[in-house]
Amino acid sequence: MSLRTLNLDDALYGYLLGHSLREHPAQTALREATSGHPHAGMQVSPEQGQLMQLLVRILGARQAIEVGVFTGYSALAVALALPDDGHLLACDISDEYTAIGRPYWEAAGVAHKIELRLAPARATLDAQLAGGAAGRYDFAFIDADKTGYDAYYERCLSLLRPGGLLAIDNVLWGGSVARTADDADTAALQALNSKLHRDERIDLAVLPIGDGLTLARKR
């Protein structure tokens, strides 16, 4: 049987980070500041943040969207990869959580690239579409309430340019998506995963990084 994916024990994970991770000091500090938070598991892993940075740079992205900011580590990662005149529209509803990250955005010198909108993301994205922003964005990242994923996907796909990239977090949901759904979040993720598999508007890859990361390139 061919090897499907490595089982990363602590030693191998430490080796991976030690031979790959290149964090800005503000990223390291924010990650450490979030580690003691009751919902610290909502933060993306550092290797996922670095992958997103690489993708943003490969795309030559200038305009990006994030749906679900939490304490701001992923926003910081993306903003660091954008050019100095780049722009990240960051959507969240929690002033409490996002306030943790804002000083680190300032410390990294990227706060001017991040436009934080504290409002329901659907309303923010709909306002962008109503304002004529369809096709203007290069990159989008979705990591928010799972039952809202399909709505966020459709809006972000409309806002992306052809060739733009959409990343969606938590798509394997701790393995729950491979079992019979007994909650709304799992059912929503299962439905979205099936939809994306059939969606001819995108090129698709699902990666077993973190809690599962979908990459969808708009055709």
N, C-alpha and C. Protein backbone atom coordinates (compact mmCIF):
# COMPACT_ATOMS: atom_id res chain seq x y z
N MET A 1 0.85 -1.19 0.00
CA MET A 1 0.00 0.00 0.00
C MET A 1 0.88 1.24 0.00
N SER A 2 0.56 2.21 -0.86
CA SER A 2 1.34 3.43 -0.92
C SER A 2 1.06 4.30 0.31
N LEU A 3 2.07 5.07 0.69
CA LEU A 3 1.91 5.97 1.84
C LEU A 3 1.04 7.15 1.44
N ARG A 4 -0.02 7.39 2.21
CA ARG A 4 -0.96 8.47 1.86
C ARG A 4 -0.53 9.79 2.47
N THR A 5 -0.25 9.79 3.76
CA THR A 5 0.22 11.01 4.41
C THR A 5 0.95 10.60 5.68
N LEU A 6 1.93 11.38 6.07
CA LEU A 6 2.73 11.06 7.24
C LEU A 6 1.96 11.32 8.52
N ASN A 7 2.23 10.49 9.52
CA ASN A 7 1.73 10.75 10.87
C ASN A 7 2.77 11.60 11.57
N LEU A 8 2.47 12.87 11.78
CA LEU A 8 3.44 13.80 12.36
C LEU A 8 3.43 13.70 13.88
N ASP A 9 4.40 12.97 14.45
CA ASP A 9 4.55 13.01 15.89
C ASP A 9 5.26 14.31 16.27
N ASP A 10 5.42 14.54 17.56
CA ASP A 10 5.99 15.81 18.01
C ASP A 10 7.38 16.05 17.45
N ALA A 11 8.18 14.99 17.38
CA ALA A 11 9.56 15.14 16.89
C ALA A 11 9.58 15.53 15.42
N LEU A 12 8.75 14.87 14.62
CA LEU A 12 8.74 15.17 13.20
C LEU A 12 8.11 16.53 12.92
N TYR A 13 7.08 16.87 13.69
CA TYR A 13 6.47 18.20 13.52
C TYR A 13 7.47 19.29 13.89
N GLY A 14 8.22 19.07 14.94
CA GLY A 14 9.26 20.02 15.31
C GLY A 14 10.31 20.15 14.24
N TYR A 15 10.66 19.04 13.62
CA TYR A 15 11.63 19.07 12.51
C TYR A 15 11.06 19.87 11.34
N LEU A 16 9.79 19.63 11.02
CA LEU A 16 9.15 20.35 9.92
C LEU A 16 9.22 21.86 10.15
N LEU A 17 8.84 22.29 11.35
CA LEU A 17 8.87 23.72 11.64
C LEU A 17 10.30 24.25 11.65
N GLY A 18 11.22 23.46 12.19
CA GLY A 18 12.60 23.89 12.29
C GLY A 18 13.30 24.03 10.97
N HIS A 19 12.80 23.33 9.95
CA HIS A 19 13.43 23.36 8.63
C HIS A 19 12.58 24.03 7.57
N SER A 20 11.48 24.67 7.98
CA SER A 20 10.61 25.32 7.01
C SER A 20 10.13 26.69 7.46
N LEU A 21 9.72 26.78 8.72
CA LEU A 21 9.01 27.98 9.17
C LEU A 21 9.91 29.21 9.18
N ARG A 22 9.39 30.29 8.56
CA ARG A 22 10.05 31.59 8.57
C ARG A 22 9.02 32.62 9.03
N GLU A 23 8.90 32.81 10.31
CA GLU A 23 7.92 33.72 10.86
C GLU A 23 8.52 35.10 11.11
N HIS A 24 7.73 36.11 10.82
CA HIS A 24 8.06 37.46 11.29
C HIS A 24 7.94 37.43 12.82
N PRO A 25 8.78 38.17 13.53
CA PRO A 25 8.68 38.19 15.00
C PRO A 25 7.28 38.52 15.52
N ALA A 26 6.55 39.37 14.81
CA ALA A 26 5.19 39.70 15.24
C ALA A 26 4.27 38.49 15.10
N GLN A 27 4.50 37.65 14.10
CA GLN A 27 3.71 36.42 13.96
C GLN A 27 3.96 35.50 15.14
N THR A 28 5.22 35.30 15.47
CA THR A 28 5.56 34.43 16.60
C THR A 28 4.93 34.96 17.88
N ALA A 29 5.03 36.25 18.09
CA ALA A 29 4.48 36.86 19.30
C ALA A 29 2.96 36.71 19.36
N LEU A 30 2.28 36.91 18.23
CA LEU A 30 0.82 36.78 18.20
C LEU A 30 0.41 35.33 18.41
N ARG A 31 1.13 34.42 17.81
CA ARG A 31 0.82 33.00 17.99
C ARG A 31 0.97 32.61 19.46
N GLU A 32 2.01 33.10 20.10
CA GLU A 32 2.22 32.80 21.51
C GLU A 32 1.16 33.47 22.38
N ALA A 33 0.77 34.69 22.00
CA ALA A 33 -0.26 35.40 22.76
C ALA A 33 -1.61 34.70 22.66
N THR A 34 -1.85 34.02 21.56
CA THR A 34 -3.13 33.33 21.35
C THR A 34 -3.13 31.94 21.95
N SER A 35 -1.95 31.38 22.22
CA SER A 35 -1.86 29.98 22.65
C SER A 35 -2.62 29.71 23.95
N GLY A 36 -2.74 30.71 24.81
CA GLY A 36 -3.46 30.52 26.05
C GLY A 36 -4.93 30.88 25.99
N HIS A 37 -5.41 31.27 24.81
CA HIS A 37 -6.81 31.65 24.65
C HIS A 37 -7.71 30.41 24.75
N PRO A 38 -8.89 30.52 25.34
CA PRO A 38 -9.78 29.36 25.43
C PRO A 38 -10.13 28.75 24.08
N HIS A 39 -10.08 29.55 23.02
CA HIS A 39 -10.39 29.03 21.68
C HIS A 39 -9.15 29.03 20.79
N ALA A 40 -8.00 28.75 21.37
CA ALA A 40 -6.74 28.80 20.63
C ALA A 40 -6.73 27.86 19.43
N GLY A 41 -7.52 26.78 19.50
CA GLY A 41 -7.59 25.84 18.39
C GLY A 41 -8.16 26.43 17.12
N MET A 42 -8.78 27.61 17.22
CA MET A 42 -9.33 28.26 16.03
C MET A 42 -8.25 28.93 15.19
N GLN A 43 -7.06 29.09 15.75
CA GLN A 43 -5.98 29.74 15.02
C GLN A 43 -5.35 28.77 14.02
N VAL A 44 -5.05 29.24 12.82
CA VAL A 44 -4.40 28.37 11.84
C VAL A 44 -2.99 28.04 12.33
N SER A 45 -2.49 26.90 11.90
CA SER A 45 -1.15 26.49 12.27
C SER A 45 -0.13 27.37 11.55
N PRO A 46 1.09 27.50 12.09
CA PRO A 46 2.08 28.34 11.44
C PRO A 46 2.46 27.86 10.05
N GLU A 47 2.50 26.55 9.86
CA GLU A 47 2.85 26.05 8.52
C GLU A 47 1.74 26.34 7.51
N GLN A 48 0.48 26.37 7.96
CA GLN A 48 -0.59 26.75 7.06
C GLN A 48 -0.51 28.23 6.73
N GLY A 49 -0.21 29.05 7.72
CA GLY A 49 -0.03 30.48 7.45
C GLY A 49 1.08 30.72 6.44
N GLN A 50 2.16 29.96 6.57
CA GLN A 50 3.27 30.13 5.63
C GLN A 50 2.89 29.67 4.23
N LEU A 51 2.11 28.59 4.14
CA LEU A 51 1.63 28.14 2.83
C LEU A 51 0.78 29.22 2.18
N MET A 52 -0.10 29.83 2.96
CA MET A 52 -0.95 30.89 2.41
C MET A 52 -0.11 32.07 1.93
N GLN A 53 0.94 32.42 2.68
CA GLN A 53 1.84 33.48 2.24
C GLN A 53 2.47 33.15 0.90
N LEU A 54 2.93 31.92 0.76
CA LEU A 54 3.56 31.51 -0.50
C LEU A 54 2.58 31.58 -1.65
N LEU A 55 1.35 31.14 -1.43
CA LEU A 55 0.33 31.18 -2.48
C LEU A 55 0.01 32.62 -2.88
N VAL A 56 -0.09 33.50 -1.90
CA VAL A 56 -0.36 34.91 -2.18
C VAL A 56 0.77 35.50 -3.03
N ARG A 57 2.00 35.15 -2.70
CA ARG A 57 3.14 35.66 -3.46
C ARG A 57 3.18 35.07 -4.87
N ILE A 58 2.89 33.79 -5.00
CA ILE A 58 2.86 33.16 -6.32
C ILE A 58 1.81 33.82 -7.21
N LEU A 59 0.67 34.13 -6.61
CA LEU A 59 -0.41 34.78 -7.35
C LEU A 59 -0.07 36.21 -7.74
N GLY A 60 0.89 36.81 -7.03
CA GLY A 60 1.11 38.24 -7.20
C GLY A 60 -0.09 39.02 -6.72
N ALA A 61 -0.73 38.52 -5.67
CA ALA A 61 -1.99 39.11 -5.20
C ALA A 61 -1.78 40.52 -4.66
N ARG A 62 -2.76 41.37 -4.92
CA ARG A 62 -2.78 42.73 -4.38
C ARG A 62 -4.04 42.97 -3.56
N GLN A 63 -5.10 42.24 -3.89
CA GLN A 63 -6.39 42.41 -3.22
C GLN A 63 -6.82 41.06 -2.64
N ALA A 64 -7.11 41.01 -1.35
CA ALA A 64 -7.45 39.75 -0.69
C ALA A 64 -8.62 39.94 0.26
N ILE A 65 -9.27 38.83 0.57
CA ILE A 65 -10.41 38.79 1.48
C ILE A 65 -10.15 37.72 2.53
N GLU A 66 -10.53 38.00 3.76
CA GLU A 66 -10.55 36.97 4.79
C GLU A 66 -11.90 36.99 5.48
N VAL A 67 -12.53 35.84 5.57
CA VAL A 67 -13.80 35.70 6.27
C VAL A 67 -13.53 34.88 7.54
N GLY A 68 -13.51 35.55 8.67
CA GLY A 68 -13.18 34.91 9.94
C GLY A 68 -11.76 35.24 10.33
N VAL A 69 -11.57 36.19 11.24
CA VAL A 69 -10.24 36.71 11.56
C VAL A 69 -9.69 36.12 12.85
N PHE A 70 -10.57 35.84 13.82
CA PHE A 70 -10.19 35.40 15.17
C PHE A 70 -9.20 36.41 15.75
N THR A 71 -7.99 35.99 16.17
CA THR A 71 -7.04 36.95 16.75
C THR A 71 -6.08 37.52 15.71
N GLY A 72 -6.25 37.16 14.46
CA GLY A 72 -5.55 37.88 13.41
C GLY A 72 -4.26 37.29 12.88
N TYR A 73 -3.93 36.03 13.23
CA TYR A 73 -2.67 35.44 12.74
C TYR A 73 -2.70 35.24 11.24
N SER A 74 -3.77 34.67 10.72
CA SER A 74 -3.83 34.44 9.27
C SER A 74 -3.88 35.75 8.51
N ALA A 75 -4.58 36.74 9.04
CA ALA A 75 -4.60 38.06 8.40
C ALA A 75 -3.21 38.66 8.37
N LEU A 76 -2.47 38.50 9.45
CA LEU A 76 -1.10 39.00 9.50
C LEU A 76 -0.23 38.29 8.48
N ALA A 77 -0.38 36.98 8.37
CA ALA A 77 0.40 36.22 7.40
C ALA A 77 0.14 36.71 5.98
N VAL A 78 -1.13 36.88 5.63
CA VAL A 78 -1.48 37.32 4.28
C VAL A 78 -1.00 38.75 4.04
N ALA A 79 -1.21 39.62 5.01
CA ALA A 79 -0.83 41.02 4.84
C ALA A 79 0.68 41.16 4.64
N LEU A 80 1.47 40.34 5.32
CA LEU A 80 2.91 40.37 5.14
C LEU A 80 3.32 39.98 3.72
N ALA A 81 2.51 39.14 3.08
CA ALA A 81 2.82 38.68 1.73
C ALA A 81 2.33 39.63 0.64
N LEU A 82 1.43 40.53 1.00
CA LEU A 82 0.92 41.50 0.02
C LEU A 82 1.94 42.62 -0.18
N PRO A 83 1.93 43.26 -1.35
CA PRO A 83 2.80 44.42 -1.54
C PRO A 83 2.38 45.55 -0.62
N ASP A 84 3.22 46.58 -0.53
CA ASP A 84 2.96 47.66 0.43
C ASP A 84 1.65 48.37 0.16
N ASP A 85 1.22 48.40 -1.11
CA ASP A 85 -0.06 49.02 -1.43
C ASP A 85 -1.17 47.99 -1.57
N GLY A 86 -0.93 46.77 -1.07
CA GLY A 86 -1.96 45.73 -1.11
C GLY A 86 -3.06 46.00 -0.08
N HIS A 87 -4.14 45.22 -0.20
CA HIS A 87 -5.32 45.46 0.63
C HIS A 87 -5.96 44.13 1.01
N LEU A 88 -6.19 43.94 2.30
CA LEU A 88 -6.90 42.77 2.81
C LEU A 88 -8.19 43.22 3.47
N LEU A 89 -9.31 42.78 2.93
CA LEU A 89 -10.61 43.03 3.54
C LEU A 89 -10.86 41.91 4.54
N ALA A 90 -10.80 42.23 5.83
CA ALA A 90 -10.90 41.24 6.89
C ALA A 90 -12.26 41.33 7.56
N CYS A 91 -13.03 40.25 7.48
CA CYS A 91 -14.42 40.24 7.95
C CYS A 91 -14.55 39.43 9.23
N ASP A 92 -15.10 40.04 10.26
CA ASP A 92 -15.35 39.33 11.51
C ASP A 92 -16.44 40.08 12.27
N ILE A 93 -16.95 39.44 13.32
CA ILE A 93 -17.98 40.09 14.14
C ILE A 93 -17.52 40.35 15.56
N SER A 94 -16.29 39.91 15.90
CA SER A 94 -15.83 40.02 17.29
C SER A 94 -14.77 41.11 17.44
N ASP A 95 -15.12 42.18 18.12
CA ASP A 95 -14.12 43.18 18.45
C ASP A 95 -13.16 42.64 19.51
N GLU A 96 -13.67 41.81 20.40
CA GLU A 96 -12.84 41.25 21.48
C GLU A 96 -11.70 40.42 20.93
N TYR A 97 -12.00 39.49 20.00
CA TYR A 97 -10.96 38.61 19.47
C TYR A 97 -10.00 39.38 18.57
N THR A 98 -10.53 40.18 17.65
CA THR A 98 -9.67 40.87 16.70
C THR A 98 -8.78 41.91 17.38
N ALA A 99 -9.23 42.44 18.52
CA ALA A 99 -8.42 43.42 19.24
C ALA A 99 -7.10 42.82 19.72
N ILE A 100 -7.07 41.51 19.90
CA ILE A 100 -5.83 40.86 20.32
C ILE A 100 -4.76 41.00 19.24
N GLY A 101 -5.17 40.88 17.99
CA GLY A 101 -4.21 40.88 16.91
C GLY A 101 -3.78 42.23 16.41
N ARG A 102 -4.58 43.24 16.60
CA ARG A 102 -4.29 44.54 15.99
C ARG A 102 -2.94 45.13 16.38
N PRO A 103 -2.53 45.05 17.65
CA PRO A 103 -1.19 45.57 17.98
C PRO A 103 -0.07 44.86 17.23
N TYR A 104 -0.26 43.59 16.92
CA TYR A 104 0.77 42.84 16.20
C TYR A 104 0.78 43.21 14.72
N TRP A 105 -0.38 43.56 14.18
CA TRP A 105 -0.41 44.09 12.81
C TRP A 105 0.39 45.38 12.75
N GLU A 106 0.21 46.21 13.76
CA GLU A 106 0.95 47.48 13.84
C GLU A 106 2.45 47.20 13.97
N ALA A 107 2.80 46.27 14.84
CA ALA A 107 4.21 45.97 15.08
C ALA A 107 4.90 45.45 13.82
N ALA A 108 4.16 44.73 12.99
CA ALA A 108 4.72 44.19 11.76
C ALA A 108 4.72 45.21 10.62
N GLY A 109 4.09 46.36 10.85
CA GLY A 109 4.06 47.40 9.82
C GLY A 109 3.10 47.13 8.69
N VAL A 110 2.05 46.33 8.96
CA VAL A 110 1.11 45.98 7.89
C VAL A 110 -0.32 46.41 8.20
N ALA A 111 -0.54 47.12 9.32
CA ALA A 111 -1.91 47.50 9.69
C ALA A 111 -2.58 48.33 8.60
N HIS A 112 -1.80 49.10 7.84
CA HIS A 112 -2.38 49.93 6.79
C HIS A 112 -2.91 49.11 5.62
N LYS A 113 -2.52 47.85 5.54
CA LYS A 113 -3.00 46.98 4.46
C LYS A 113 -4.31 46.29 4.83
N ILE A 114 -4.67 46.27 6.12
CA ILE A 114 -5.80 45.48 6.61
C ILE A 114 -6.98 46.39 6.92
N GLU A 115 -8.08 46.16 6.22
CA GLU A 115 -9.34 46.86 6.49
C GLU A 115 -10.25 45.90 7.24
N LEU A 116 -10.37 46.10 8.54
CA LEU A 116 -11.18 45.22 9.38
C LEU A 116 -12.62 45.71 9.38
N ARG A 117 -13.53 44.86 8.97
CA ARG A 117 -14.97 45.17 8.97
C ARG A 117 -15.65 44.31 10.03
N LEU A 118 -16.11 44.93 11.11
CA LEU A 118 -16.81 44.22 12.17
C LEU A 118 -18.30 44.25 11.87
N ALA A 119 -18.74 43.26 11.14
CA ALA A 119 -20.14 43.13 10.71
C ALA A 119 -20.32 41.72 10.17
N PRO A 120 -21.56 41.26 10.05
CA PRO A 120 -21.76 39.95 9.43
C PRO A 120 -21.11 39.90 8.05
N ALA A 121 -20.33 38.85 7.80
CA ALA A 121 -19.54 38.79 6.57
C ALA A 121 -20.42 38.79 5.32
N ARG A 122 -21.58 38.16 5.39
CA ARG A 122 -22.45 38.16 4.19
C ARG A 122 -22.79 39.59 3.79
N ALA A 123 -23.11 40.42 4.78
CA ALA A 123 -23.46 41.81 4.46
C ALA A 123 -22.26 42.55 3.88
N THR A 124 -21.08 42.32 4.44
CA THR A 124 -19.87 42.98 3.93
C THR A 124 -19.58 42.55 2.50
N LEU A 125 -19.67 41.25 2.23
CA LEU A 125 -19.39 40.75 0.89
C LEU A 125 -20.47 41.19 -0.10
N ASP A 126 -21.72 41.19 0.33
CA ASP A 126 -22.79 41.66 -0.54
C ASP A 126 -22.59 43.14 -0.90
N ALA A 127 -22.13 43.92 0.06
CA ALA A 127 -21.88 45.33 -0.21
C ALA A 127 -20.76 45.50 -1.23
N GLN A 128 -19.76 44.64 -1.15
CA GLN A 128 -18.68 44.68 -2.15
C GLN A 128 -19.22 44.37 -3.54
N LEU A 129 -20.06 43.36 -3.64
CA LEU A 129 -20.63 42.99 -4.94
C LEU A 129 -21.53 44.10 -5.46
N ALA A 130 -22.34 44.67 -4.58
CA ALA A 130 -23.23 45.76 -4.99
C ALA A 130 -22.44 46.98 -5.44
N GLY A 131 -21.24 47.14 -4.90
CA GLY A 131 -20.40 48.28 -5.26
C GLY A 131 -19.56 48.06 -6.50
N GLY A 132 -19.75 46.91 -7.16
CA GLY A 132 -19.05 46.66 -8.41
C GLY A 132 -17.70 45.99 -8.27
N ALA A 133 -17.46 45.30 -7.15
CA ALA A 133 -16.14 44.70 -6.91
C ALA A 133 -16.01 43.28 -7.45
N ALA A 134 -17.01 42.77 -8.14
CA ALA A 134 -16.92 41.41 -8.70
C ALA A 134 -15.69 41.30 -9.60
N GLY A 135 -14.93 40.23 -9.40
CA GLY A 135 -13.76 39.98 -10.23
C GLY A 135 -12.54 40.81 -9.90
N ARG A 136 -12.55 41.53 -8.79
CA ARG A 136 -11.44 42.44 -8.47
C ARG A 136 -10.44 41.84 -7.48
N TYR A 137 -10.78 40.74 -6.85
CA TYR A 137 -9.90 40.18 -5.82
C TYR A 137 -9.08 39.02 -6.37
N ASP A 138 -7.89 38.84 -5.76
CA ASP A 138 -6.97 37.80 -6.20
C ASP A 138 -6.99 36.56 -5.31
N PHE A 139 -7.29 36.76 -4.03
CA PHE A 139 -7.17 35.67 -3.05
C PHE A 139 -8.24 35.86 -1.99
N ALA A 140 -8.81 34.73 -1.53
CA ALA A 140 -9.78 34.77 -0.44
C ALA A 140 -9.57 33.58 0.47
N PHE A 141 -9.79 33.79 1.76
CA PHE A 141 -9.65 32.74 2.76
C PHE A 141 -10.90 32.72 3.63
N ILE A 142 -11.50 31.54 3.76
CA ILE A 142 -12.72 31.37 4.55
C ILE A 142 -12.42 30.49 5.76
N ASP A 143 -12.67 31.01 6.95
CA ASP A 143 -12.43 30.28 8.20
C ASP A 143 -13.36 30.86 9.26
N ALA A 144 -14.65 30.60 9.11
CA ALA A 144 -15.66 31.21 10.00
C ALA A 144 -16.70 30.16 10.35
N ASP A 145 -17.93 30.60 10.63
CA ASP A 145 -18.99 29.65 10.99
C ASP A 145 -19.26 28.70 9.83
N LYS A 146 -19.28 27.42 10.13
CA LYS A 146 -19.32 26.40 9.08
C LYS A 146 -20.64 26.39 8.32
N THR A 147 -21.74 26.69 9.00
CA THR A 147 -23.02 26.70 8.30
C THR A 147 -23.12 27.85 7.31
N GLY A 148 -22.23 28.82 7.44
CA GLY A 148 -22.21 29.93 6.50
C GLY A 148 -21.26 29.74 5.34
N TYR A 149 -20.52 28.64 5.32
CA TYR A 149 -19.47 28.44 4.32
C TYR A 149 -19.98 28.54 2.88
N ASP A 150 -21.11 27.92 2.59
CA ASP A 150 -21.59 27.93 1.21
C ASP A 150 -21.89 29.35 0.74
N ALA A 151 -22.50 30.14 1.59
CA ALA A 151 -22.80 31.53 1.23
C ALA A 151 -21.52 32.32 1.04
N TYR A 152 -20.53 32.10 1.91
CA TYR A 152 -19.26 32.80 1.76
C TYR A 152 -18.55 32.36 0.48
N TYR A 153 -18.61 31.07 0.20
CA TYR A 153 -17.97 30.55 -1.01
C TYR A 153 -18.53 31.22 -2.26
N GLU A 154 -19.85 31.26 -2.37
CA GLU A 154 -20.45 31.84 -3.57
C GLU A 154 -20.10 33.32 -3.72
N ARG A 155 -20.11 34.04 -2.64
CA ARG A 155 -19.79 35.47 -2.71
C ARG A 155 -18.31 35.70 -3.03
N CYS A 156 -17.45 34.95 -2.36
CA CYS A 156 -16.02 35.11 -2.63
C CYS A 156 -15.67 34.69 -4.06
N LEU A 157 -16.31 33.65 -4.55
CA LEU A 157 -16.05 33.22 -5.92
C LEU A 157 -16.44 34.32 -6.90
N SER A 158 -17.53 35.00 -6.65
CA SER A 158 -17.94 36.11 -7.51
C SER A 158 -16.95 37.27 -7.42
N LEU A 159 -16.38 37.48 -6.25
CA LEU A 159 -15.46 38.60 -6.06
C LEU A 159 -14.07 38.31 -6.63
N LEU A 160 -13.72 37.04 -6.78
CA LEU A 160 -12.41 36.68 -7.32
C LEU A 160 -12.35 36.89 -8.82
N ARG A 161 -11.18 37.25 -9.30
CA ARG A 161 -10.92 37.31 -10.73
C ARG A 161 -10.69 35.90 -11.26
N PRO A 162 -10.86 35.65 -12.56
CA PRO A 162 -10.44 34.37 -13.13
C PRO A 162 -8.96 34.13 -12.84
N GLY A 163 -8.64 32.95 -12.37
CA GLY A 163 -7.28 32.65 -11.95
C GLY A 163 -7.02 32.96 -10.50
N GLY A 164 -7.98 33.61 -9.82
CA GLY A 164 -7.86 33.88 -8.40
C GLY A 164 -8.02 32.62 -7.59
N LEU A 165 -7.56 32.65 -6.34
CA LEU A 165 -7.52 31.45 -5.51
C LEU A 165 -8.33 31.64 -4.24
N LEU A 166 -9.11 30.62 -3.91
CA LEU A 166 -9.92 30.60 -2.69
C LEU A 166 -9.42 29.46 -1.81
N ALA A 167 -9.12 29.75 -0.55
CA ALA A 167 -8.71 28.75 0.44
C ALA A 167 -9.80 28.64 1.49
N ILE A 168 -10.15 27.41 1.85
CA ILE A 168 -11.23 27.16 2.81
C ILE A 168 -10.69 26.23 3.89
N ASP A 169 -10.80 26.66 5.15
CA ASP A 169 -10.22 25.91 6.27
C ASP A 169 -11.23 24.95 6.88
N ASN A 170 -10.70 23.96 7.62
CA ASN A 170 -11.50 23.01 8.42
C ASN A 170 -12.38 22.09 7.59
N VAL A 171 -12.00 21.81 6.35
CA VAL A 171 -12.90 21.04 5.49
C VAL A 171 -12.91 19.54 5.82
N LEU A 172 -11.98 19.06 6.64
CA LEU A 172 -12.01 17.65 7.07
C LEU A 172 -12.58 17.51 8.48
N TRP A 173 -12.63 18.63 9.22
CA TRP A 173 -13.41 18.72 10.46
C TRP A 173 -13.11 17.56 11.42
N GLY A 174 -11.81 17.34 11.67
CA GLY A 174 -11.41 16.30 12.61
C GLY A 174 -11.79 14.90 12.18
N GLY A 175 -12.08 14.71 10.90
CA GLY A 175 -12.50 13.41 10.38
C GLY A 175 -14.00 13.21 10.38
N SER A 176 -14.75 14.13 10.96
CA SER A 176 -16.20 13.97 11.06
C SER A 176 -16.89 13.94 9.70
N VAL A 177 -16.32 14.59 8.70
CA VAL A 177 -16.97 14.63 7.39
C VAL A 177 -17.04 13.25 6.73
N ALA A 178 -16.21 12.32 7.20
CA ALA A 178 -16.22 10.97 6.62
C ALA A 178 -17.21 10.05 7.32
N ARG A 179 -17.94 10.58 8.30
CA ARG A 179 -18.93 9.79 9.03
C ARG A 179 -20.32 10.42 8.87
N THR A 180 -21.33 9.73 9.33
CA THR A 180 -22.69 10.25 9.26
C THR A 180 -22.78 11.52 10.10
N ALA A 181 -23.29 12.56 9.50
CA ALA A 181 -23.37 13.85 10.19
C ALA A 181 -24.43 13.80 11.27
N ASP A 182 -24.06 14.30 12.47
CA ASP A 182 -25.04 14.39 13.55
C ASP A 182 -25.12 15.82 14.09
N ASP A 183 -24.59 16.78 13.33
CA ASP A 183 -24.69 18.19 13.72
C ASP A 183 -24.66 19.04 12.47
N ALA A 184 -25.11 20.28 12.61
CA ALA A 184 -25.27 21.16 11.45
C ALA A 184 -23.94 21.54 10.81
N ASP A 185 -22.89 21.72 11.62
CA ASP A 185 -21.59 22.11 11.07
C ASP A 185 -21.04 21.02 10.16
N THR A 186 -21.07 19.77 10.64
CA THR A 186 -20.57 18.66 9.83
C THR A 186 -21.38 18.51 8.55
N ALA A 187 -22.69 18.59 8.66
CA ALA A 187 -23.55 18.47 7.48
C ALA A 187 -23.25 19.56 6.46
N ALA A 188 -23.01 20.78 6.95
CA ALA A 188 -22.71 21.89 6.04
C ALA A 188 -21.39 21.66 5.32
N LEU A 189 -20.40 21.18 6.03
CA LEU A 189 -19.10 20.91 5.40
C LEU A 189 -19.19 19.76 4.41
N GLN A 190 -19.93 18.72 4.75
CA GLN A 190 -20.12 17.61 3.82
C GLN A 190 -20.78 18.09 2.53
N ALA A 191 -21.81 18.91 2.66
CA ALA A 191 -22.52 19.42 1.49
C ALA A 191 -21.62 20.30 0.64
N LEU A 192 -20.82 21.14 1.29
CA LEU A 192 -19.93 22.02 0.52
C LEU A 192 -18.84 21.21 -0.17
N ASN A 193 -18.25 20.24 0.53
CA ASN A 193 -17.21 19.42 -0.08
C ASN A 193 -17.73 18.69 -1.32
N SER A 194 -18.95 18.16 -1.22
CA SER A 194 -19.54 17.48 -2.38
C SER A 194 -19.82 18.47 -3.51
N LYS A 195 -20.30 19.64 -3.16
CA LYS A 195 -20.59 20.67 -4.16
C LYS A 195 -19.33 21.09 -4.90
N LEU A 196 -18.26 21.35 -4.15
CA LEU A 196 -17.02 21.78 -4.79
C LEU A 196 -16.43 20.70 -5.68
N HIS A 197 -16.59 19.44 -5.28
CA HIS A 197 -16.07 18.34 -6.10
C HIS A 197 -16.72 18.32 -7.48
N ARG A 198 -17.97 18.76 -7.55
CA ARG A 198 -18.71 18.77 -8.83
C ARG A 198 -18.64 20.12 -9.55
N ASP A 199 -18.10 21.14 -8.90
CA ASP A 199 -18.22 22.50 -9.41
C ASP A 199 -17.24 22.74 -10.56
N GLU A 200 -17.78 22.93 -11.75
CA GLU A 200 -16.94 23.12 -12.93
C GLU A 200 -16.41 24.54 -13.05
N ARG A 201 -16.75 25.40 -12.11
CA ARG A 201 -16.23 26.78 -12.14
C ARG A 201 -14.83 26.89 -11.56
N ILE A 202 -14.35 25.80 -10.96
CA ILE A 202 -13.08 25.84 -10.24
C ILE A 202 -12.19 24.66 -10.58
N ASP A 203 -10.89 24.83 -10.34
CA ASP A 203 -9.94 23.72 -10.22
C ASP A 203 -9.74 23.49 -8.73
N LEU A 204 -9.60 22.22 -8.33
CA LEU A 204 -9.76 21.88 -6.92
C LEU A 204 -8.65 20.97 -6.40
N ALA A 205 -8.22 21.25 -5.16
CA ALA A 205 -7.36 20.33 -4.42
C ALA A 205 -7.73 20.45 -2.94
N VAL A 206 -7.77 19.32 -2.25
CA VAL A 206 -8.01 19.30 -0.81
C VAL A 206 -6.76 18.74 -0.15
N LEU A 207 -6.18 19.51 0.78
CA LEU A 207 -4.91 19.13 1.40
C LEU A 207 -5.12 18.72 2.85
N PRO A 208 -4.46 17.64 3.31
CA PRO A 208 -4.58 17.23 4.71
C PRO A 208 -3.61 18.00 5.59
N ILE A 209 -3.71 19.31 5.55
CA ILE A 209 -2.91 20.18 6.40
C ILE A 209 -3.83 20.80 7.45
N GLY A 210 -3.35 20.88 8.70
CA GLY A 210 -4.22 21.37 9.75
C GLY A 210 -5.47 20.50 9.86
N ASP A 211 -6.63 21.13 9.80
CA ASP A 211 -7.91 20.43 9.88
C ASP A 211 -8.51 20.23 8.50
N GLY A 212 -7.65 20.29 7.47
CA GLY A 212 -8.10 20.14 6.08
C GLY A 212 -8.24 21.49 5.42
N LEU A 213 -7.56 21.67 4.30
CA LEU A 213 -7.56 22.95 3.59
C LEU A 213 -7.92 22.71 2.13
N THR A 214 -8.99 23.32 1.68
CA THR A 214 -9.37 23.27 0.27
C THR A 214 -8.78 24.46 -0.45
N LEU A 215 -8.21 24.19 -1.63
CA LEU A 215 -7.75 25.24 -2.53
C LEU A 215 -8.58 25.16 -3.80
N ALA A 216 -9.22 26.25 -4.16
CA ALA A 216 -10.08 26.30 -5.34
C ALA A 216 -9.66 27.47 -6.21
N ARG A 217 -9.20 27.17 -7.42
CA ARG A 217 -8.80 28.21 -8.38
C ARG A 217 -9.97 28.50 -9.30
N LYS A 218 -10.35 29.76 -9.38
CA LYS A 218 -11.46 30.14 -10.25
C LYS A 218 -11.04 30.06 -11.70
N ARG A 219 -11.81 29.33 -12.48
CA ARG A 219 -11.50 29.19 -13.91
C ARG A 219 -11.88 30.44 -14.68
